Amino acid sequence: MSRVSLLVCAATGPELAGLLPDFAPPLTADAKSGSAAAAQSGGNSAAAAPTDWPEMQLWPVRLKAVSALCCITGIGPINAALAMGHVLSRAEAEGTPVSAVLNAGLAGAFDLEVRPLLSHCLVREEIWPEYGLHDGQSVTAGAFGFPQWQPPQGEAVRDRLTLSGVEALAPFGGKCAKDALSDCRSLTVAGVSASFARAADLRSRYQADLENMEGFAVAYACARQGIPCVEVRSVSNKVGPRAREEKDFPGALRALAQVLPALNLI
């Protein structure tokens, strides 16, 4: 009989390591061989640094109440979509089908007074602002004749997806204290905003709070499989050009260590 699993995913090794401070991927056969050779020669046999952890692999991890799975998707919407298709299929084939996904990582905030650096946000809607009809100035999803997906029931999916709340993690012991996470709307881009004009246009057009590079793709893969997707982001920078004091990537990575405890998962 198959047992269902929670999948914890992040875009990069450092983000996954931030979420799971005590986790390290099992050594591959090649890595074990290299480690043994290093030990015999008196060299170091330290595990690979998070920056070297492979993408699109599926690893077991122990949480407070359950065993779960984790993976690194890679950066950007294409990598994220490819990774999710691969790991969801693999989990199914191995008898541990995924029944909920927690996607966590860093994101930029359009307004740091509203979403301060190192704060944690629960994404309730993901937007892909690059799908639709481009008139030379902007993209309008509704003007394009083809949705991305028409579910058997419900509205067609074009450029927006509603995500699940923390209640989707309840079967795995997940819960969250009130106000531990602030609800927000995020948009996913393949090209990170690097100009004031681009940042202002996206914020105004979509009333978005955050900008990330994988959220819509992960949520979309989950939606196509009927799997709840919960997304939490640690604010690492201001969207667009920013001064030194408007970014803290190392601090945001460290702040990810607070996410799973806040969700009662570790």
C-alpha atoms as a PDB file:
ATOM      1  CA  MET A   1       0.000   0.000   0.000  1.00  0.00           C
ATOM      2  CA  SER A   2       1.375   3.416  -0.944  1.00  0.00           C
ATOM      3  CA  ARG A   3       1.964   6.012   1.755  1.00  0.00           C
ATOM      4  CA  VAL A   4       1.537   9.676   0.964  1.00  0.00           C
ATOM      5  CA  SER A   5       4.276  12.213   1.500  1.00  0.00           C
ATOM      6  CA  LEU A   6       4.905  15.885   2.013  1.00  0.00           C
ATOM      7  CA  LEU A   7       7.431  17.354  -0.432  1.00  0.00           C
ATOM      8  CA  VAL A   8       9.570  20.266   0.760  1.00  0.00           C
ATOM      9  CA  CYS A   9      11.227  22.069  -2.153  1.00  0.00           C
ATOM     10  CA  ALA A  10      13.480  25.058  -2.687  1.00  0.00           C
ATOM     11  CA  ALA A  11      15.176  26.552  -5.724  1.00  0.00           C
ATOM     12  CA  THR A  12      18.777  26.196  -4.543  1.00  0.00           C
ATOM     13  CA  GLY A  13      20.929  24.166  -2.188  1.00  0.00           C
ATOM     14  CA  PRO A  14      21.573  27.114   0.155  1.00  0.00           C
ATOM     15  CA  GLU A  15      17.820  27.728   0.437  1.00  0.00           C
ATOM     16  CA  LEU A  16      17.124  24.054   1.209  1.00  0.00           C
ATOM     17  CA  ALA A  17      19.979  24.045   3.723  1.00  0.00           C
ATOM     18  CA  GLY A  18      18.496  27.154   5.321  1.00  0.00           C
ATOM     19  CA  LEU A  19      15.131  25.444   5.673  1.00  0.00           C
ATOM     20  CA  LEU A  20      16.611  22.182   6.962  1.00  0.00           C
ATOM     21  CA  PRO A  21      19.768  23.099   8.921  1.00  0.00           C
ATOM     22  CA  ASP A  22      20.480  19.492   9.953  1.00  0.00           C
ATOM     23  CA  PHE A  23      19.940  17.993   6.502  1.00  0.00           C
ATOM     24  CA  ALA A  24      22.561  16.866   4.000  1.00  0.00           C
ATOM     25  CA  PRO A  25      21.868  14.727   0.914  1.00  0.00           C
ATOM     26  CA  PRO A  26      22.999  11.108   1.086  1.00  0.00           C
ATOM     27  CA  LEU A  27      26.351  10.604  -0.625  1.00  0.00           C
ATOM     28  CA  THR A  28      26.205   9.122  -4.111  1.00  0.00           C
ATOM     29  CA  ALA A  29      28.314   6.088  -4.959  1.00  0.00           C
ATOM     30  CA  ASP A  30      30.910   8.345  -6.619  1.00  0.00           C
ATOM     31  CA  ALA A  31      30.964  10.688  -3.653  1.00  0.00           C
ATOM     32  CA  LYS A  32      31.318   7.779  -1.212  1.00  0.00           C
ATOM     33  CA  SER A  33      34.223   6.429  -3.227  1.00  0.00           C
ATOM     34  CA  GLY A  34      35.881   9.830  -3.238  1.00  0.00           C
ATOM     35  CA  SER A  35      35.271  10.277   0.465  1.00  0.00           C
ATOM     36  CA  ALA A  36      36.805   6.876   1.252  1.00  0.00           C
ATOM     37  CA  ALA A  37      39.838   7.629  -0.895  1.00  0.00           C
ATOM     38  CA  ALA A  38      40.271  10.982   0.833  1.00  0.00           C
ATOM     39  CA  ALA A  39      40.063   9.334   4.250  1.00  0.00           C
ATOM     40  CA  GLN A  40      42.692   6.724   3.305  1.00  0.00           C
ATOM     41  CA  SER A  41      45.044   9.450   2.128  1.00  0.00           C
ATOM     42  CA  GLY A  42      44.460  11.543   5.219  1.00  0.00           C
ATOM     43  CA  GLY A  43      42.424  14.175   3.382  1.00  0.00           C
ATOM     44  CA  ASN A  44      39.148  15.823   4.328  1.00  0.00           C
ATOM     45  CA  SER A  45      35.939  13.842   3.772  1.00  0.00           C
ATOM     46  CA  ALA A  46      33.474  16.667   4.411  1.00  0.00           C
ATOM     47  CA  ALA A  47      30.063  16.494   2.736  1.00  0.00           C
ATOM     48  CA  ALA A  48      29.448  18.617  -0.345  1.00  0.00           C
ATOM     49  CA  ALA A  49      28.597  22.265   0.274  1.00  0.00           C
ATOM     50  CA  PRO A  50      24.934  23.225  -0.351  1.00  0.00           C
ATOM     51  CA  THR A  51      25.989  25.094  -3.495  1.00  0.00           C
ATOM     52  CA  ASP A  52      27.072  21.713  -4.907  1.00  0.00           C
ATOM     53  CA  TRP A  53      23.932  19.763  -3.989  1.00  0.00           C
ATOM     54  CA  PRO A  54      22.377  18.334  -7.177  1.00  0.00           C
ATOM     55  CA  GLU A  55      19.069  19.565  -8.524  1.00  0.00           C
ATOM     56  CA  MET A  56      16.001  17.457  -9.301  1.00  0.00           C
ATOM     57  CA  GLN A  57      16.927  14.664  -6.878  1.00  0.00           C
ATOM     58  CA  LEU A  58      14.443  13.287  -4.346  1.00  0.00           C
ATOM     59  CA  TRP A  59      15.684  12.762  -0.777  1.00  0.00           C
ATOM     60  CA  PRO A  60      13.985  11.562   2.420  1.00  0.00           C
ATOM     61  CA  VAL A  61      13.994  13.873   5.423  1.00  0.00           C
ATOM     62  CA  ARG A  62      12.622  13.434   8.933  1.00  0.00           C
ATOM     63  CA  LEU A  63      10.311  16.131  10.295  1.00  0.00           C
ATOM     64  CA  LYS A  64       8.796  16.383  13.766  1.00  0.00           C
ATOM     65  CA  ALA A  65       5.813  14.116  13.170  1.00  0.00           C
ATOM     66  CA  VAL A  66       6.455  12.409   9.828  1.00  0.00           C
ATOM     67  CA  SER A  67       9.006  11.397   7.264  1.00  0.00           C
ATOM     68  CA  ALA A  68       8.909  13.626   4.209  1.00  0.00           C
ATOM     69  CA  LEU A  69      10.708  14.208   0.919  1.00  0.00           C
ATOM     70  CA  CYS A  70      12.749  17.180  -0.221  1.00  0.00           C
ATOM     71  CA  CYS A  71      14.302  18.426  -3.453  1.00  0.00           C
ATOM     72  CA  ILE A  72      16.035  21.310  -5.179  1.00  0.00           C
ATOM     73  CA  THR A  73      14.195  22.565  -8.255  1.00  0.00           C
ATOM     74  CA  GLY A  74      16.844  24.782  -9.794  1.00  0.00           C
ATOM     75  CA  ILE A  75      16.423  28.475 -10.528  1.00  0.00           C
ATOM     76  CA  GLY A  76      13.684  29.885 -12.751  1.00  0.00           C
ATOM     77  CA  PRO A  77      10.229  28.778 -13.907  1.00  0.00           C
ATOM     78  CA  ILE A  78      11.441  26.306 -16.555  1.00  0.00           C
ATOM     79  CA  ASN A  79      13.731  24.451 -14.151  1.00  0.00           C
ATOM     80  CA  ALA A  80      11.035  24.468 -11.483  1.00  0.00           C
ATOM     81  CA  ALA A  81       8.378  23.029 -13.788  1.00  0.00           C
ATOM     82  CA  LEU A  82      10.770  20.373 -15.097  1.00  0.00           C
ATOM     83  CA  ALA A  83      11.863  19.416 -11.582  1.00  0.00           C
ATOM     84  CA  MET A  84       8.320  19.134 -10.269  1.00  0.00           C
ATOM     85  CA  GLY A  85       7.237  16.876 -13.118  1.00  0.00           C
ATOM     86  CA  HIS A  86      10.252  14.664 -12.506  1.00  0.00           C
ATOM     87  CA  VAL A  87      10.072  14.370  -8.713  1.00  0.00           C
ATOM     88  CA  LEU A  88       6.288  13.981  -8.519  1.00  0.00           C
ATOM     89  CA  SER A  89       6.448  11.134 -11.026  1.00  0.00           C
ATOM     90  CA  ARG A  90       9.377   9.530  -9.237  1.00  0.00           C
ATOM     91  CA  ALA A  91       7.678   9.743  -5.841  1.00  0.00           C
ATOM     92  CA  GLU A  92       4.593   8.074  -7.305  1.00  0.00           C
ATOM     93  CA  ALA A  93       6.675   5.300  -8.876  1.00  0.00           C
ATOM     94  CA  GLU A  94       8.507   4.658  -5.604  1.00  0.00           C
ATOM     95  CA  GLY A  95       5.301   4.221  -3.602  1.00  0.00           C
ATOM     96  CA  THR A  96       5.440   7.557  -1.758  1.00  0.00           C
ATOM     97  CA  PRO A  97       3.085   9.766  -3.793  1.00  0.00           C
ATOM     98  CA  VAL A  98       3.166  13.426  -2.855  1.00  0.00           C
ATOM     99  CA  SER A  99      -0.067  14.704  -1.345  1.00  0.00           C
ATOM    100  CA  ALA A 100       1.098  18.222  -0.409  1.00  0.00           C
ATOM    101  CA  VAL A 101       3.990  20.502  -1.346  1.00  0.00           C
ATOM    102  CA  LEU A 102       5.727  23.164   0.703  1.00  0.00           C
ATOM    103  CA  ASN A 103       7.733  25.505  -1.523  1.00  0.00           C
ATOM    104  CA  ALA A 104       9.988  27.919   0.379  1.00  0.00           C
ATOM    105  CA  GLY A 105      12.821  30.273  -0.437  1.00  0.00           C
ATOM    106  CA  LEU A 106      13.830  33.877  -0.905  1.00  0.00           C
ATOM    107  CA  ALA A 107      11.924  36.658  -2.642  1.00  0.00           C
ATOM    108  CA  GLY A 108      12.147  40.364  -3.266  1.00  0.00           C
ATOM    109  CA  ALA A 109       9.557  42.751  -1.833  1.00  0.00           C
ATOM    110  CA  PHE A 110       8.225  45.751  -3.701  1.00  0.00           C
ATOM    111  CA  ASP A 111       7.845  47.773  -0.485  1.00  0.00           C
ATOM    112  CA  LEU A 112      10.213  47.030   2.399  1.00  0.00           C
ATOM    113  CA  GLU A 113       8.137  49.137   4.775  1.00  0.00           C
ATOM    114  CA  VAL A 114       5.232  46.739   4.275  1.00  0.00           C
ATOM    115  CA  ARG A 115       7.278  43.532   3.879  1.00  0.00           C
ATOM    116  CA  PRO A 116      10.545  44.173   5.741  1.00  0.00           C
ATOM    117  CA  LEU A 117      13.801  42.380   5.087  1.00  0.00           C
ATOM    118  CA  LEU A 118      13.925  38.906   6.702  1.00  0.00           C
ATOM    119  CA  SER A 119      10.151  38.826   7.255  1.00  0.00           C
ATOM    120  CA  HIS A 120       8.195  35.698   6.326  1.00  0.00           C
ATOM    121  CA  CYS A 121       5.278  35.748   3.893  1.00  0.00           C
ATOM    122  CA  LEU A 122       2.646  33.134   3.128  1.00  0.00           C
ATOM    123  CA  VAL A 123       1.843  33.411  -0.580  1.00  0.00           C
ATOM    124  CA  ARG A 124      -1.892  33.124  -1.234  1.00  0.00           C
ATOM    125  CA  GLU A 125      -1.788  33.922  -4.968  1.00  0.00           C
ATOM    126  CA  GLU A 126       0.890  33.414  -7.615  1.00  0.00           C
ATOM    127  CA  ILE A 127       0.920  35.417 -10.845  1.00  0.00           C
ATOM    128  CA  TRP A 128       2.833  34.827 -14.061  1.00  0.00           C
ATOM    129  CA  PRO A 129       2.910  38.272 -15.728  1.00  0.00           C
ATOM    130  CA  GLU A 130       4.573  36.948 -18.882  1.00  0.00           C
ATOM    131  CA  TYR A 131       1.646  34.858 -20.215  1.00  0.00           C
ATOM    132  CA  GLY A 132      -0.850  36.395 -22.633  1.00  0.00           C
ATOM    133  CA  LEU A 133      -0.975  38.881 -25.473  1.00  0.00           C
ATOM    134  CA  HIS A 134       1.851  41.432 -25.568  1.00  0.00           C
ATOM    135  CA  ASP A 135       0.845  44.711 -27.213  1.00  0.00           C
ATOM    136  CA  GLY A 136       4.363  46.131 -27.180  1.00  0.00           C
ATOM    137  CA  GLN A 137       4.043  47.636 -23.731  1.00  0.00           C
ATOM    138  CA  SER A 138       2.376  45.088 -21.490  1.00  0.00           C
ATOM    139  CA  VAL A 139       0.968  41.553 -21.377  1.00  0.00           C
ATOM    140  CA  THR A 140      -2.757  40.890 -20.992  1.00  0.00           C
ATOM    141  CA  ALA A 141      -3.657  37.279 -20.234  1.00  0.00           C
ATOM    142  CA  GLY A 142      -7.371  37.717 -20.879  1.00  0.00           C
ATOM    143  CA  ALA A 143      -6.755  39.059 -24.390  1.00  0.00           C
ATOM    144  CA  PHE A 144      -5.091  35.825 -25.471  1.00  0.00           C
ATOM    145  CA  GLY A 145      -7.453  33.196 -26.838  1.00  0.00           C
ATOM    146  CA  PHE A 146      -5.863  30.202 -25.132  1.00  0.00           C
ATOM    147  CA  PRO A 147      -5.703  29.516 -21.402  1.00  0.00           C
ATOM    148  CA  GLN A 148      -2.761  27.577 -20.053  1.00  0.00           C
ATOM    149  CA  TRP A 149      -5.125  24.936 -18.714  1.00  0.00           C
ATOM    150  CA  GLN A 150      -8.850  24.313 -18.503  1.00  0.00           C
ATOM    151  CA  PRO A 151      -9.557  22.099 -15.474  1.00  0.00           C
ATOM    152  CA  PRO A 152     -12.466  19.645 -15.778  1.00  0.00           C
ATOM    153  CA  GLN A 153     -14.241  21.816 -13.239  1.00  0.00           C
ATOM    154  CA  GLY A 154     -13.671  25.454 -12.398  1.00  0.00           C
ATOM    155  CA  GLU A 155     -12.209  28.454 -14.167  1.00  0.00           C
ATOM    156  CA  ALA A 156      -9.501  28.313 -16.788  1.00  0.00           C
ATOM    157  CA  VAL A 157      -5.983  29.003 -15.575  1.00  0.00           C
ATOM    158  CA  ARG A 158      -4.337  31.892 -17.374  1.00  0.00           C
ATOM    159  CA  ASP A 159      -1.874  33.988 -15.369  1.00  0.00           C
ATOM    160  CA  ARG A 160      -3.053  33.449 -11.765  1.00  0.00           C
ATOM    161  CA  LEU A 161      -3.245  30.604  -9.279  1.00  0.00           C
ATOM    162  CA  THR A 162      -4.675  30.512  -5.767  1.00  0.00           C
ATOM    163  CA  LEU A 163      -2.443  28.650  -3.323  1.00  0.00           C
ATOM    164  CA  SER A 164      -3.331  26.632  -0.253  1.00  0.00           C
ATOM    165  CA  GLY A 165      -3.075  27.848   3.317  1.00  0.00           C
ATOM    166  CA  VAL A 166      -1.264  26.234   6.218  1.00  0.00           C
ATOM    167  CA  GLU A 167      -4.251  23.947   6.797  1.00  0.00           C
ATOM    168  CA  ALA A 168      -3.005  21.830   3.872  1.00  0.00           C
ATOM    169  CA  LEU A 169      -0.062  20.806   6.082  1.00  0.00           C
ATOM    170  CA  ALA A 170      -2.276  19.589   8.949  1.00  0.00           C
ATOM    171  CA  PRO A 171      -2.000  15.880   7.961  1.00  0.00           C
ATOM    172  CA  PHE A 172       1.759  16.212   8.590  1.00  0.00           C
ATOM    173  CA  GLY A 173       1.442  18.036  11.897  1.00  0.00           C
ATOM    174  CA  GLY A 174       1.580  21.481  10.319  1.00  0.00           C
ATOM    175  CA  LYS A 175      -0.034  24.478  11.974  1.00  0.00           C
ATOM    176  CA  CYS A 176       0.906  28.103  12.433  1.00  0.00           C
ATOM    177  CA  ALA A 177       0.549  30.684  15.177  1.00  0.00           C
ATOM    178  CA  LYS A 178      -1.525  33.695  14.260  1.00  0.00           C
ATOM    179  CA  ASP A 179       0.532  36.479  12.653  1.00  0.00           C
ATOM    180  CA  ALA A 180       3.647  34.288  12.315  1.00  0.00           C
ATOM    181  CA  LEU A 181       3.291  34.633   8.542  1.00  0.00           C
ATOM    182  CA  SER A 182       1.747  37.537   6.640  1.00  0.00           C
ATOM    183  CA  ASP A 183      -0.474  36.756   3.661  1.00  0.00           C
ATOM    184  CA  CYS A 184       0.729  38.174   0.372  1.00  0.00           C
ATOM    185  CA  ARG A 185       0.489  38.059  -3.411  1.00  0.00           C
ATOM    186  CA  SER A 186       3.603  37.135  -5.401  1.00  0.00           C
ATOM    187  CA  LEU A 187       4.511  37.124  -9.061  1.00  0.00           C
ATOM    188  CA  THR A 188       6.967  34.841 -10.836  1.00  0.00           C
ATOM    189  CA  VAL A 189       9.405  36.091 -13.458  1.00  0.00           C
ATOM    190  CA  ALA A 190      12.171  34.596 -15.555  1.00  0.00           C
ATOM    191  CA  GLY A 191      13.916  37.981 -15.722  1.00  0.00           C
ATOM    192  CA  VAL A 192      14.451  39.603 -12.333  1.00  0.00           C
ATOM    193  CA  SER A 193      13.366  43.256 -12.277  1.00  0.00           C
ATOM    194  CA  ALA A 194      16.428  45.514 -12.349  1.00  0.00           C
ATOM    195  CA  SER A 195      14.863  48.898 -13.131  1.00  0.00           C
ATOM    196  CA  PHE A 196      12.608  51.258 -11.208  1.00  0.00           C
ATOM    197  CA  ALA A 197      10.196  51.433 -14.159  1.00  0.00           C
ATOM    198  CA  ARG A 198       9.818  47.654 -14.454  1.00  0.00           C
ATOM    199  CA  ALA A 199       9.315  47.226 -10.695  1.00  0.00           C
ATOM    200  CA  ALA A 200       6.765  50.052 -10.537  1.00  0.00           C
ATOM    201  CA  ASP A 201       4.832  48.717 -13.532  1.00  0.00           C
ATOM    202  CA  LEU A 202       4.583  45.180 -12.162  1.00  0.00           C
ATOM    203  CA  ARG A 203       3.562  46.354  -8.719  1.00  0.00           C
ATOM    204  CA  SER A 204       0.908  48.705 -10.098  1.00  0.00           C
ATOM    205  CA  ARG A 205      -0.445  46.311 -12.707  1.00  0.00           C
ATOM    206  CA  TYR A 206      -0.737  43.259 -10.442  1.00  0.00           C
ATOM    207  CA  GLN A 207      -0.857  44.729  -6.916  1.00  0.00           C
ATOM    208  CA  ALA A 208       1.882  42.262  -6.038  1.00  0.00           C
ATOM    209  CA  ASP A 209       3.829  42.216  -2.791  1.00  0.00           C
ATOM    210  CA  LEU A 210       6.708  39.947  -3.823  1.00  0.00           C
ATOM    211  CA  GLU A 211       8.718  38.871  -6.862  1.00  0.00           C
ATOM    212  CA  ASN A 212      10.218  35.388  -7.174  1.00  0.00           C
ATOM    213  CA  MET A 213      11.410  33.050  -9.935  1.00  0.00           C
ATOM    214  CA  GLU A 214       9.771  29.648  -9.286  1.00  0.00           C
ATOM    215  CA  GLY A 215       6.510  30.017  -7.375  1.00  0.00           C
ATOM    216  CA  PHE A 216       3.997  29.951 -10.232  1.00  0.00           C
ATOM    217  CA  ALA A 217       5.705  26.976 -11.894  1.00  0.00           C
ATOM    218  CA  VAL A 218       5.682  24.903  -8.696  1.00  0.00           C
ATOM    219  CA  ALA A 219       2.070  25.840  -7.934  1.00  0.00           C
ATOM    220  CA  TYR A 220       1.008  25.100 -11.510  1.00  0.00           C
ATOM    221  CA  ALA A 221       2.576  21.635 -11.476  1.00  0.00           C
ATOM    222  CA  CYS A 222       0.768  20.942  -8.216  1.00  0.00           C
ATOM    223  CA  ALA A 223      -2.547  22.235  -9.571  1.00  0.00           C
ATOM    224  CA  ARG A 224      -2.312  19.964 -12.610  1.00  0.00           C
ATOM    225  CA  GLN A 225      -1.892  16.996 -10.253  1.00  0.00           C
ATOM    226  CA  GLY A 226      -4.536  18.098  -7.758  1.00  0.00           C
ATOM    227  CA  ILE A 227      -1.925  18.560  -5.016  1.00  0.00           C
ATOM    228  CA  PRO A 228      -2.189  21.412  -2.470  1.00  0.00           C
ATOM    229  CA  CYS A 229       0.745  23.821  -2.657  1.00  0.00           C
ATOM    230  CA  VAL A 230       1.838  26.004   0.255  1.00  0.00           C
ATOM    231  CA  GLU A 231       4.450  28.696  -0.430  1.00  0.00           C
ATOM    232  CA  VAL A 232       6.469  30.649   2.136  1.00  0.00           C
ATOM    233  CA  ARG A 233       9.027  33.338   1.279  1.00  0.00           C
ATOM    234  CA  SER A 234      11.753  35.054   3.291  1.00  0.00           C
ATOM    235  CA  VAL A 235      12.268  38.627   2.087  1.00  0.00           C
ATOM    236  CA  SER A 236      15.850  39.094   0.891  1.00  0.00           C
ATOM    237  CA  ASN A 237      15.806  42.361  -1.052  1.00  0.00           C
ATOM    238  CA  LYS A 238      13.863  45.222  -2.521  1.00  0.00           C
ATOM    239  CA  VAL A 239      12.587  44.565  -6.042  1.00  0.00           C
ATOM    240  CA  GLY A 240      14.402  46.639  -8.650  1.00  0.00           C
ATOM    241  CA  PRO A 241      17.546  48.707  -8.038  1.00  0.00           C
ATOM    242  CA  ARG A 242      18.410  48.726  -4.345  1.00  0.00           C
ATOM    243  CA  ALA A 243      20.875  50.307  -1.964  1.00  0.00           C
ATOM    244  CA  ARG A 244      23.145  48.215   0.246  1.00  0.00           C
ATOM    245  CA  GLU A 245      20.746  48.488   3.178  1.00  0.00           C
ATOM    246  CA  GLU A 246      17.844  47.278   0.995  1.00  0.00           C
ATOM    247  CA  LYS A 247      19.154  43.736   0.613  1.00  0.00           C
ATOM    248  CA  ASP A 248      20.335  40.981   2.943  1.00  0.00           C
ATOM    249  CA  PHE A 249      20.617  37.649   1.155  1.00  0.00           C
ATOM    250  CA  PRO A 250      22.718  35.907   3.859  1.00  0.00           C
ATOM    251  CA  GLY A 251      20.288  37.072   6.542  1.00  0.00           C
ATOM    252  CA  ALA A 252      17.262  35.906   4.545  1.00  0.00           C
ATOM    253  CA  LEU A 253      18.857  32.469   4.098  1.00  0.00           C
ATOM    254  CA  ARG A 254      19.408  32.261   7.859  1.00  0.00           C
ATOM    255  CA  ALA A 255      15.822  33.400   8.432  1.00  0.00           C
ATOM    256  CA  LEU A 256      14.564  30.396   6.459  1.00  0.00           C
ATOM    257  CA  ALA A 257      15.521  28.277   9.487  1.00  0.00           C
ATOM    258  CA  GLN A 258      12.492  29.804  11.254  1.00  0.00           C
ATOM    259  CA  VAL A 259       9.968  28.639   8.641  1.00  0.00           C
ATOM    260  CA  LEU A 260       9.526  24.972   9.516  1.00  0.00           C
ATOM    261  CA  PRO A 261       9.434  25.616  13.287  1.00  0.00           C
ATOM    262  CA  ALA A 262       6.810  28.318  12.660  1.00  0.00           C
ATOM    263  CA  LEU A 263       4.779  25.708  10.781  1.00  0.00           C
ATOM    264  CA  ASN A 264       5.266  23.142  13.584  1.00  0.00           C
ATOM    265  CA  LEU A 265       7.052  20.781  11.178  1.00  0.00           C
ATOM    266  CA  ILE A 266      10.392  20.632  13.031  1.00  0.00           C
END
